[in-house]
PDB file of N, CA and C in Angstrom:
ATOM      1  N   MET A   1      15.127  28.634 149.485  1.00  0.00           N
ATOM      2  CA  MET A   1      14.709  29.835 150.156  1.00  0.00           C
ATOM      3  C   MET A   1      14.119  29.474 151.512  1.00  0.00           C
ATOM      4  N   LYS A   2      14.557  30.176 152.528  1.00  0.00           N
ATOM      5  CA  LYS A   2      14.036  29.941 153.874  1.00  0.00           C
ATOM      6  C   LYS A   2      12.664  30.582 154.019  1.00  0.00           C
ATOM      7  N   SER A   3      11.782  29.865 154.694  1.00  0.00           N
ATOM      8  CA  SER A   3      10.476  30.470 154.943  1.00  0.00           C
ATOM      9  C   SER A   3      10.512  31.207 156.273  1.00  0.00           C
ATOM     10  N   THR A   4       9.805  32.295 156.310  1.00  0.00           N
ATOM     11  CA  THR A   4       9.699  33.077 157.544  1.00  0.00           C
ATOM     12  C   THR A   4       8.335  32.803 158.140  1.00  0.00           C
ATOM     13  N   PRO A   5       8.134  33.155 159.414  1.00  0.00           N
ATOM     14  CA  PRO A   5       6.828  32.903 160.035  1.00  0.00           C
ATOM     15  C   PRO A   5       5.663  33.510 159.258  1.00  0.00           C
ATOM     16  N   THR A   6       5.887  34.646 158.594  1.00  0.00           N
ATOM     17  CA  THR A   6       4.783  35.265 157.862  1.00  0.00           C
ATOM     18  C   THR A   6       4.475  34.540 156.570  1.00  0.00           C
ATOM     19  N   ASP A   7       5.396  33.669 156.098  1.00  0.00           N
ATOM     20  CA  ASP A   7       5.149  32.901 154.879  1.00  0.00           C
ATOM     21  C   ASP A   7       4.261  31.695 155.140  1.00  0.00           C
ATOM     22  N   ARG A   8       4.129  31.292 156.365  1.00  0.00           N
ATOM     23  CA  ARG A   8       3.351  30.097 156.700  1.00  0.00           C
ATOM     24  C   ARG A   8       1.910  30.473 156.992  1.00  0.00           C
ATOM     25  N   LEU A   9       1.001  29.712 156.420  1.00  0.00           N
ATOM     26  CA  LEU A   9      -0.413  29.939 156.680  1.00  0.00           C
ATOM     27  C   LEU A   9      -0.878  28.964 157.744  1.00  0.00           C
ATOM     28  N   ILE A  10      -1.714  29.430 158.610  1.00  0.00           N
ATOM     29  CA  ILE A  10      -2.306  28.586 159.636  1.00  0.00           C
ATOM     30  C   ILE A  10      -3.769  28.397 159.270  1.00  0.00           C
ATOM     31  N   ILE A  11      -4.171  27.156 159.102  1.00  0.00           N
ATOM     32  CA  ILE A  11      -5.575  26.843 158.863  1.00  0.00           C
ATOM     33  C   ILE A  11      -6.114  26.248 160.157  1.00  0.00           C
ATOM     34  N   HIS A  12      -7.088  26.910 160.744  1.00  0.00           N
ATOM     35  CA  HIS A  12      -7.644  26.484 162.033  1.00  0.00           C
ATOM     36  C   HIS A  12      -9.058  25.953 161.815  1.00  0.00           C
ATOM     37  N   SER A  13      -9.345  24.785 162.359  1.00  0.00           N
ATOM     38  CA  SER A  13     -10.699  24.227 162.317  1.00  0.00           C
ATOM     39  C   SER A  13     -11.446  24.647 163.566  1.00  0.00           C
ATOM     40  N   VAL A  14     -12.618  25.230 163.372  1.00  0.00           N
ATOM     41  CA  VAL A  14     -13.432  25.703 164.488  1.00  0.00           C
ATOM     42  C   VAL A  14     -14.597  24.737 164.655  1.00  0.00           C
ATOM     43  N   GLY A  15     -14.630  24.014 165.754  1.00  0.00           N
ATOM     44  CA  GLY A  15     -15.685  23.044 166.010  1.00  0.00           C
ATOM     45  C   GLY A  15     -16.809  23.644 166.834  1.00  0.00           C
ATOM     46  N   ILE A  16     -17.862  24.101 166.166  1.00  0.00           N
ATOM     47  CA  ILE A  16     -19.033  24.662 166.831  1.00  0.00           C
ATOM     48  C   ILE A  16     -20.285  24.161 166.125  1.00  0.00           C
ATOM     49  N   ASN A  17     -21.447  24.384 166.742  1.00  0.00           N
ATOM     50  CA  ASN A  17     -22.674  23.834 166.144  1.00  0.00           C
ATOM     51  C   ASN A  17     -23.027  24.524 164.821  1.00  0.00           C
ATOM     52  N   ASN A  18     -23.913  23.897 164.065  1.00  0.00           N
ATOM     53  CA  ASN A  18     -24.221  24.336 162.699  1.00  0.00           C
ATOM     54  C   ASN A  18     -24.684  25.781 162.585  1.00  0.00           C
ATOM     55  N   THR A  19     -25.633  26.187 163.399  1.00  0.00           N
ATOM     56  CA  THR A  19     -26.180  27.540 163.297  1.00  0.00           C
ATOM     57  C   THR A  19     -25.101  28.580 163.554  1.00  0.00           C
ATOM     58  N   GLU A  20     -24.361  28.403 164.629  1.00  0.00           N
ATOM     59  CA  GLU A  20     -23.301  29.353 164.952  1.00  0.00           C
ATOM     60  C   GLU A  20     -22.193  29.323 163.917  1.00  0.00           C
ATOM     61  N   ARG A  21     -21.907  28.135 163.392  1.00  0.00           N
ATOM     62  CA  ARG A  21     -20.833  28.003 162.399  1.00  0.00           C
ATOM     63  C   ARG A  21     -21.118  28.863 161.175  1.00  0.00           C
ATOM     64  N   TRP A  22     -22.350  28.843 160.663  1.00  0.00           N
ATOM     65  CA  TRP A  22     -22.683  29.626 159.476  1.00  0.00           C
ATOM     66  C   TRP A  22     -22.710  31.117 159.781  1.00  0.00           C
ATOM     67  N   THR A  23     -23.165  31.494 160.959  1.00  0.00           N
ATOM     68  CA  THR A  23     -23.150  32.902 161.358  1.00  0.00           C
ATOM     69  C   THR A  23     -21.716  33.408 161.416  1.00  0.00           C
ATOM     70  N   ILE A  24     -20.843  32.630 162.034  1.00  0.00           N
ATOM     71  CA  ILE A  24     -19.431  33.001 162.149  1.00  0.00           C
ATOM     72  C   ILE A  24     -18.789  33.052 160.766  1.00  0.00           C
ATOM     73  N   TYR A  25     -19.096  32.074 159.924  1.00  0.00           N
ATOM     74  CA  TYR A  25     -18.560  32.046 158.561  1.00  0.00           C
ATOM     75  C   TYR A  25     -18.903  33.336 157.816  1.00  0.00           C
ATOM     76  N   HIS A  26     -20.159  33.738 157.865  1.00  0.00           N
ATOM     77  CA  HIS A  26     -20.579  34.948 157.143  1.00  0.00           C
ATOM     78  C   HIS A  26     -19.916  36.203 157.712  1.00  0.00           C
ATOM     79  N   ARG A  27     -19.767  36.266 159.033  1.00  0.00           N
ATOM     80  CA  ARG A  27     -19.111  37.437 159.627  1.00  0.00           C
ATOM     81  C   ARG A  27     -17.633  37.489 159.234  1.00  0.00           C
ATOM     82  N   LEU A  28     -16.955  36.346 159.228  1.00  0.00           N
ATOM     83  CA  LEU A  28     -15.552  36.314 158.823  1.00  0.00           C
ATOM     84  C   LEU A  28     -15.413  36.714 157.357  1.00  0.00           C
ATOM     85  N   GLN A  29     -16.354  36.318 156.518  1.00  0.00           N
ATOM     86  CA  GLN A  29     -16.348  36.737 155.117  1.00  0.00           C
ATOM     87  C   GLN A  29     -16.455  38.264 155.018  1.00  0.00           C
ATOM     88  N   GLU A  30     -17.321  38.864 155.835  1.00  0.00           N
ATOM     89  CA  GLU A  30     -17.456  40.327 155.859  1.00  0.00           C
ATOM     90  C   GLU A  30     -16.150  41.008 156.267  1.00  0.00           C
ATOM     91  N   LEU A  31     -15.395  40.337 157.130  1.00  0.00           N
ATOM     92  CA  LEU A  31     -14.117  40.884 157.606  1.00  0.00           C
ATOM     93  C   LEU A  31     -12.953  40.531 156.672  1.00  0.00           C
ATOM     94  N   ASP A  32     -13.245  39.907 155.543  1.00  0.00           N
ATOM     95  CA  ASP A  32     -12.229  39.496 154.558  1.00  0.00           C
ATOM     96  C   ASP A  32     -11.203  38.523 155.128  1.00  0.00           C
ATOM     97  N   ILE A  33     -11.676  37.639 155.993  1.00  0.00           N
ATOM     98  CA  ILE A  33     -10.822  36.572 156.522  1.00  0.00           C
ATOM     99  C   ILE A  33     -11.172  35.303 155.745  1.00  0.00           C
ATOM    100  N   PRO A  34     -10.202  34.732 155.021  1.00  0.00           N
ATOM    101  CA  PRO A  34     -10.483  33.541 154.219  1.00  0.00           C
ATOM    102  C   PRO A  34     -10.945  32.367 155.080  1.00  0.00           C
ATOM    103  N   CYS A  35     -12.061  31.757 154.691  1.00  0.00           N
ATOM    104  CA  CYS A  35     -12.575  30.606 155.428  1.00  0.00           C
ATOM    105  C   CYS A  35     -13.441  29.757 154.512  1.00  0.00           C
ATOM    106  N   ILE A  36     -13.620  28.495 154.927  1.00  0.00           N
ATOM    107  CA  ILE A  36     -14.422  27.536 154.169  1.00  0.00           C
ATOM    108  C   ILE A  36     -15.391  26.882 155.143  1.00  0.00           C
ATOM    109  N   CYS A  37     -16.646  26.779 154.710  1.00  0.00           N
ATOM    110  CA  CYS A  37     -17.652  26.145 155.547  1.00  0.00           C
ATOM    111  C   CYS A  37     -18.485  25.210 154.670  1.00  0.00           C
ATOM    112  N   SER A  38     -18.469  23.926 154.997  1.00  0.00           N
ATOM    113  CA  SER A  38     -19.241  22.932 154.257  1.00  0.00           C
ATOM    114  C   SER A  38     -20.215  22.253 155.213  1.00  0.00           C
ATOM    115  N   THR A  39     -21.277  21.712 154.661  1.00  0.00           N
ATOM    116  CA  THR A  39     -22.281  21.022 155.461  1.00  0.00           C
ATOM    117  C   THR A  39     -21.653  19.857 156.224  1.00  0.00           C
ATOM    118  N   ASN A  40     -21.969  19.794 157.511  1.00  0.00           N
ATOM    119  CA  ASN A  40     -21.500  18.726 158.413  1.00  0.00           C
ATOM    120  C   ASN A  40     -19.977  18.618 158.522  1.00  0.00           C
ATOM    121  N   LYS A  41     -19.276  19.710 158.282  1.00  0.00           N
ATOM    122  CA  LYS A  41     -17.826  19.743 158.444  1.00  0.00           C
ATOM    123  C   LYS A  41     -17.461  20.976 159.252  1.00  0.00           C
ATOM    124  N   PRO A  42     -16.308  20.934 159.936  1.00  0.00           N
ATOM    125  CA  PRO A  42     -15.921  22.111 160.719  1.00  0.00           C
ATOM    126  C   PRO A  42     -15.590  23.304 159.835  1.00  0.00           C
ATOM    127  N   LEU A  43     -15.773  24.473 160.386  1.00  0.00           N
ATOM    128  CA  LEU A  43     -15.385  25.717 159.734  1.00  0.00           C
ATOM    129  C   LEU A  43     -13.865  25.777 159.720  1.00  0.00           C
ATOM    130  N   LYS A  44     -13.279  26.046 158.571  1.00  0.00           N
ATOM    131  CA  LYS A  44     -11.827  26.169 158.464  1.00  0.00           C
ATOM    132  C   LYS A  44     -11.495  27.614 158.144  1.00  0.00           C
ATOM    133  N   VAL A  45     -10.594  28.193 158.956  1.00  0.00           N
ATOM    134  CA  VAL A  45     -10.259  29.604 158.843  1.00  0.00           C
ATOM    135  C   VAL A  45      -8.767  29.750 158.601  1.00  0.00           C
ATOM    136  N   GLN A  46      -8.409  30.591 157.629  1.00  0.00           N
ATOM    137  CA  GLN A  46      -7.006  30.877 157.349  1.00  0.00           C
ATOM    138  C   GLN A  46      -6.577  32.048 158.230  1.00  0.00           C
ATOM    139  N   LEU A  47      -5.618  31.792 159.101  1.00  0.00           N
ATOM    140  CA  LEU A  47      -5.133  32.811 160.032  1.00  0.00           C
ATOM    141  C   LEU A  47      -3.706  33.176 159.643  1.00  0.00           C
ATOM    142  N   ASP A  48      -3.571  34.195 158.810  1.00  0.00           N
ATOM    143  CA  ASP A  48      -2.248  34.540 158.317  1.00  0.00           C
ATOM    144  C   ASP A  48      -1.665  35.797 158.934  1.00  0.00           C
ATOM    145  N   HIS A  49      -2.365  36.384 159.907  1.00  0.00           N
ATOM    146  CA  HIS A  49      -1.803  37.516 160.646  1.00  0.00           C
ATOM    147  C   HIS A  49      -2.492  37.609 162.012  1.00  0.00           C
ATOM    148  N   PRO A  50      -1.831  38.224 162.980  1.00  0.00           N
ATOM    149  CA  PRO A  50      -2.389  38.290 164.343  1.00  0.00           C
ATOM    150  C   PRO A  50      -3.769  38.931 164.412  1.00  0.00           C
ATOM    151  N   CYS A  51      -4.025  39.893 163.557  1.00  0.00           N
ATOM    152  CA  CYS A  51      -5.333  40.550 163.561  1.00  0.00           C
ATOM    153  C   CYS A  51      -6.444  39.548 163.234  1.00  0.00           C
ATOM    154  N   ALA A  52      -6.176  38.627 162.321  1.00  0.00           N
ATOM    155  CA  ALA A  52      -7.170  37.613 161.965  1.00  0.00           C
ATOM    156  C   ALA A  52      -7.466  36.699 163.150  1.00  0.00           C
ATOM    157  N   ILE A  53      -6.436  36.391 163.926  1.00  0.00           N
ATOM    158  CA  ILE A  53      -6.631  35.546 165.112  1.00  0.00           C
ATOM    159  C   ILE A  53      -7.514  36.272 166.123  1.00  0.00           C
ATOM    160  N   ALA A  54      -7.222  37.553 166.365  1.00  0.00           N
ATOM    161  CA  ALA A  54      -8.015  38.339 167.315  1.00  0.00           C
ATOM    162  C   ALA A  54      -9.461  38.472 166.835  1.00  0.00           C
ATOM    163  N   GLN A  55      -9.641  38.690 165.532  1.00  0.00           N
ATOM    164  CA  GLN A  55     -10.998  38.823 165.003  1.00  0.00           C
ATOM    165  C   GLN A  55     -11.767  37.512 165.102  1.00  0.00           C
ATOM    166  N   LEU A  56     -11.096  36.392 164.821  1.00  0.00           N
ATOM    167  CA  LEU A  56     -11.751  35.090 164.958  1.00  0.00           C
ATOM    168  C   LEU A  56     -12.207  34.884 166.402  1.00  0.00           C
ATOM    169  N   CYS A  57     -11.321  35.147 167.353  1.00  0.00           N
ATOM    170  CA  CYS A  57     -11.688  34.989 168.775  1.00  0.00           C
ATOM    171  C   CYS A  57     -12.881  35.866 169.129  1.00  0.00           C
ATOM    172  N   SER A  58     -12.866  37.095 168.675  1.00  0.00           N
ATOM    173  CA  SER A  58     -13.948  38.025 168.973  1.00  0.00           C
ATOM    174  C   SER A  58     -15.270  37.574 168.360  1.00  0.00           C
ATOM    175  N   VAL A  59     -15.237  37.153 167.095  1.00  0.00           N
ATOM    176  CA  VAL A  59     -16.460  36.714 166.412  1.00  0.00           C
ATOM    177  C   VAL A  59     -17.023  35.460 167.068  1.00  0.00           C
ATOM    178  N   VAL A  60     -16.169  34.510 167.405  1.00  0.00           N
ATOM    179  CA  VAL A  60     -16.634  33.279 168.062  1.00  0.00           C
ATOM    180  C   VAL A  60     -17.229  33.612 169.426  1.00  0.00           C
ATOM    181  N   ARG A  61     -16.539  34.444 170.191  1.00  0.00           N
ATOM    182  CA  ARG A  61     -17.026  34.829 171.522  1.00  0.00           C
ATOM    183  C   ARG A  61     -18.376  35.529 171.406  1.00  0.00           C
ATOM    184  N   GLN A  62     -18.494  36.442 170.448  1.00  0.00           N
ATOM    185  CA  GLN A  62     -19.742  37.180 170.250  1.00  0.00           C
ATOM    186  C   GLN A  62     -20.889  36.244 169.874  1.00  0.00           C
ATOM    187  N   SER A  63     -20.602  35.230 169.076  1.00  0.00           N
ATOM    188  CA  SER A  63     -21.646  34.323 168.595  1.00  0.00           C
ATOM    189  C   SER A  63     -22.034  33.250 169.598  1.00  0.00           C
ATOM    190  N   THR A  64     -21.137  32.909 170.501  1.00  0.00           N
ATOM    191  CA  THR A  64     -21.403  31.805 171.422  1.00  0.00           C
ATOM    192  C   THR A  64     -21.720  32.258 172.844  1.00  0.00           C
ATOM    193  N   ALA A  65     -21.527  33.525 173.139  1.00  0.00           N
ATOM    194  CA  ALA A  65     -21.773  34.015 174.497  1.00  0.00           C
ATOM    195  C   ALA A  65     -23.274  34.080 174.790  1.00  0.00           C
ATOM    196  N   SER A  66     -23.591  33.925 176.050  1.00  0.00           N
ATOM    197  CA  SER A  66     -24.993  34.060 176.458  1.00  0.00           C
ATOM    198  C   SER A  66     -25.375  35.547 176.473  1.00  0.00           C
ATOM    199  N   ARG A  67     -26.649  35.795 176.516  1.00  0.00           N
ATOM    200  CA  ARG A  67     -27.137  37.184 176.543  1.00  0.00           C
ATOM    201  C   ARG A  67     -26.573  37.936 177.746  1.00  0.00           C
ATOM    202  N   SER A  68     -26.542  37.292 178.900  1.00  0.00           N
ATOM    203  CA  SER A  68     -26.037  37.965 180.106  1.00  0.00           C
ATOM    204  C   SER A  68     -24.536  38.279 179.982  1.00  0.00           C
ATOM    205  N   GLU A  69     -23.774  37.377 179.352  1.00  0.00           N
ATOM    206  CA  GLU A  69     -22.351  37.649 179.134  1.00  0.00           C
ATOM    207  C   GLU A  69     -22.156  38.855 178.211  1.00  0.00           C
ATOM    208  N   LEU A  70     -22.964  38.940 177.167  1.00  0.00           N
ATOM    209  CA  LEU A  70     -22.871  40.073 176.247  1.00  0.00           C
ATOM    210  C   LEU A  70     -23.245  41.380 176.935  1.00  0.00           C
ATOM    211  N   ILE A  71     -24.278  41.341 177.767  1.00  0.00           N
ATOM    212  CA  ILE A  71     -24.682  42.538 178.518  1.00  0.00           C
ATOM    213  C   ILE A  71     -23.570  42.970 179.464  1.00  0.00           C
ATOM    214  N   ASN A  72     -22.982  42.010 180.184  1.00  0.00           N
ATOM    215  CA  ASN A  72     -21.883  42.342 181.101  1.00  0.00           C
ATOM    216  C   ASN A  72     -20.699  42.953 180.363  1.00  0.00           C
ATOM    217  N   ARG A  73     -20.362  42.396 179.198  1.00  0.00           N
ATOM    218  CA  ARG A  73     -19.243  42.919 178.415  1.00  0.00           C
ATOM    219  C   ARG A  73     -19.519  44.346 177.957  1.00  0.00           C
ATOM    220  N   LEU A  74     -20.742  44.599 177.518  1.00  0.00           N
ATOM    221  CA  LEU A  74     -21.122  45.941 177.085  1.00  0.00           C
ATOM    222  C   LEU A  74     -21.074  46.928 178.253  1.00  0.00           C
ATOM    223  N   GLU A  75     -21.576  46.516 179.406  1.00  0.00           N
ATOM    224  CA  GLU A  75     -21.529  47.386 180.589  1.00  0.00           C
ATOM    225  C   GLU A  75     -20.091  47.676 180.998  1.00  0.00           C
ATOM    226  N   ASP A  76     -19.214  46.682 180.907  1.00  0.00           N
ATOM    227  CA  ASP A  76     -17.794  46.895 181.210  1.00  0.00           C
ATOM    228  C   ASP A  76     -17.182  47.928 180.260  1.00  0.00           C
ATOM    229  N   CYS A  77     -17.538  47.850 178.979  1.00  0.00           N
ATOM    230  CA  CYS A  77     -17.027  48.822 178.005  1.00  0.00           C
ATOM    231  C   CYS A  77     -17.503  50.226 178.341  1.00  0.00           C
ATOM    232  N   TRP A  78     -18.776  50.363 178.693  1.00  0.00           N
ATOM    233  CA  TRP A  78     -19.301  51.672 179.051  1.00  0.00           C
ATOM    234  C   TRP A  78     -18.597  52.219 180.292  1.00  0.00           C
ATOM    235  N   GLU A  79     -18.348  51.335 181.252  1.00  0.00           N
ATOM    236  CA  GLU A  79     -17.672  51.751 182.477  1.00  0.00           C
ATOM    237  C   GLU A  79     -16.252  52.231 182.179  1.00  0.00           C
ATOM    238  N   LEU A  80     -15.530  51.498 181.361  1.00  0.00           N
ATOM    239  CA  LEU A  80     -14.170  51.898 180.992  1.00  0.00           C
ATOM    240  C   LEU A  80     -14.178  53.232 180.251  1.00  0.00           C
ATOM    241  N   LYS A  81     -15.146  53.420 179.353  1.00  0.00           N
ATOM    242  CA  LYS A  81     -15.236  54.658 178.589  1.00  0.00           C
ATOM    243  C   LYS A  81     -15.514  55.837 179.520  1.00  0.00           C
ATOM    244  N   SER A  82     -16.402  55.660 180.476  1.00  0.00           N
ATOM    245  CA  SER A  82     -16.717  56.760 181.393  1.00  0.00           C
ATOM    246  C   SER A  82     -15.534  57.064 182.314  1.00  0.00           C
ATOM    247  N   GLN A  83     -14.760  56.049 182.692  1.00  0.00           N
ATOM    248  CA  GLN A  83     -13.564  56.280 183.505  1.00  0.00           C
ATOM    249  C   GLN A  83     -12.523  57.060 182.721  1.00  0.00           C
ATOM    250  N   ARG A  84     -12.373  56.771 181.442  1.00  0.00           N
ATOM    251  CA  ARG A  84     -11.411  57.484 180.598  1.00  0.00           C
ATOM    252  C   ARG A  84     -11.783  58.946 180.483  1.00  0.00           C
ATOM    253  N   LYS A  85     -13.063  59.230 180.342  1.00  0.00           N
ATOM    254  CA  LYS A  85     -13.518  60.618 180.229  1.00  0.00           C
ATOM    255  C   LYS A  85     -13.176  61.379 181.517  1.00  0.00           C
ATOM    256  N   ARG A  86     -13.365  60.752 182.670  1.00  0.00           N
ATOM    257  CA  ARG A  86     -13.058  61.421 183.940  1.00  0.00           C
ATOM    258  C   ARG A  86     -11.563  61.714 184.058  1.00  0.00           C
ATOM    259  N   ILE A  87     -10.739  60.813 183.575  1.00  0.00           N
ATOM    260  CA  ILE A  87      -9.292  60.983 183.646  1.00  0.00           C
ATOM    261  C   ILE A  87      -8.850  62.132 182.741  1.00  0.00           C
ATOM    262  N   GLU A  88      -9.470  62.286 181.563  1.00  0.00           N
ATOM    263  CA  GLU A  88      -9.089  63.319 180.618  1.00  0.00           C
ATOM    264  C   GLU A  88      -9.396  64.718 181.134  1.00  0.00           C
ATOM    265  N   TYR A  89     -10.415  64.861 181.972  1.00  0.00           N
ATOM    266  CA  TYR A  89     -10.804  66.202 182.436  1.00  0.00           C
ATOM    267  C   TYR A  89      -9.936  66.682 183.527  1.00  0.00           C
TER     268      TYR A  89
END
């Protein structure tokens, strides 16, 4: 039987510091993304669909960004939302 791209699982190792690794692990668990986290080992995440990849990127970015980066991102979202409202009217 031929395997298709969706039959293959991608296990990605995320190399980040201990505190962030456990925070990311718990958030991925909440999102039902399979992952394994052991003491002094990298976080391993099963990425079996594009949504899981996007969520992993988002969770890592959210956990590792500085406060000013998070504020800027939030302000950008508010700006985009207010522009959309003006366009709809």
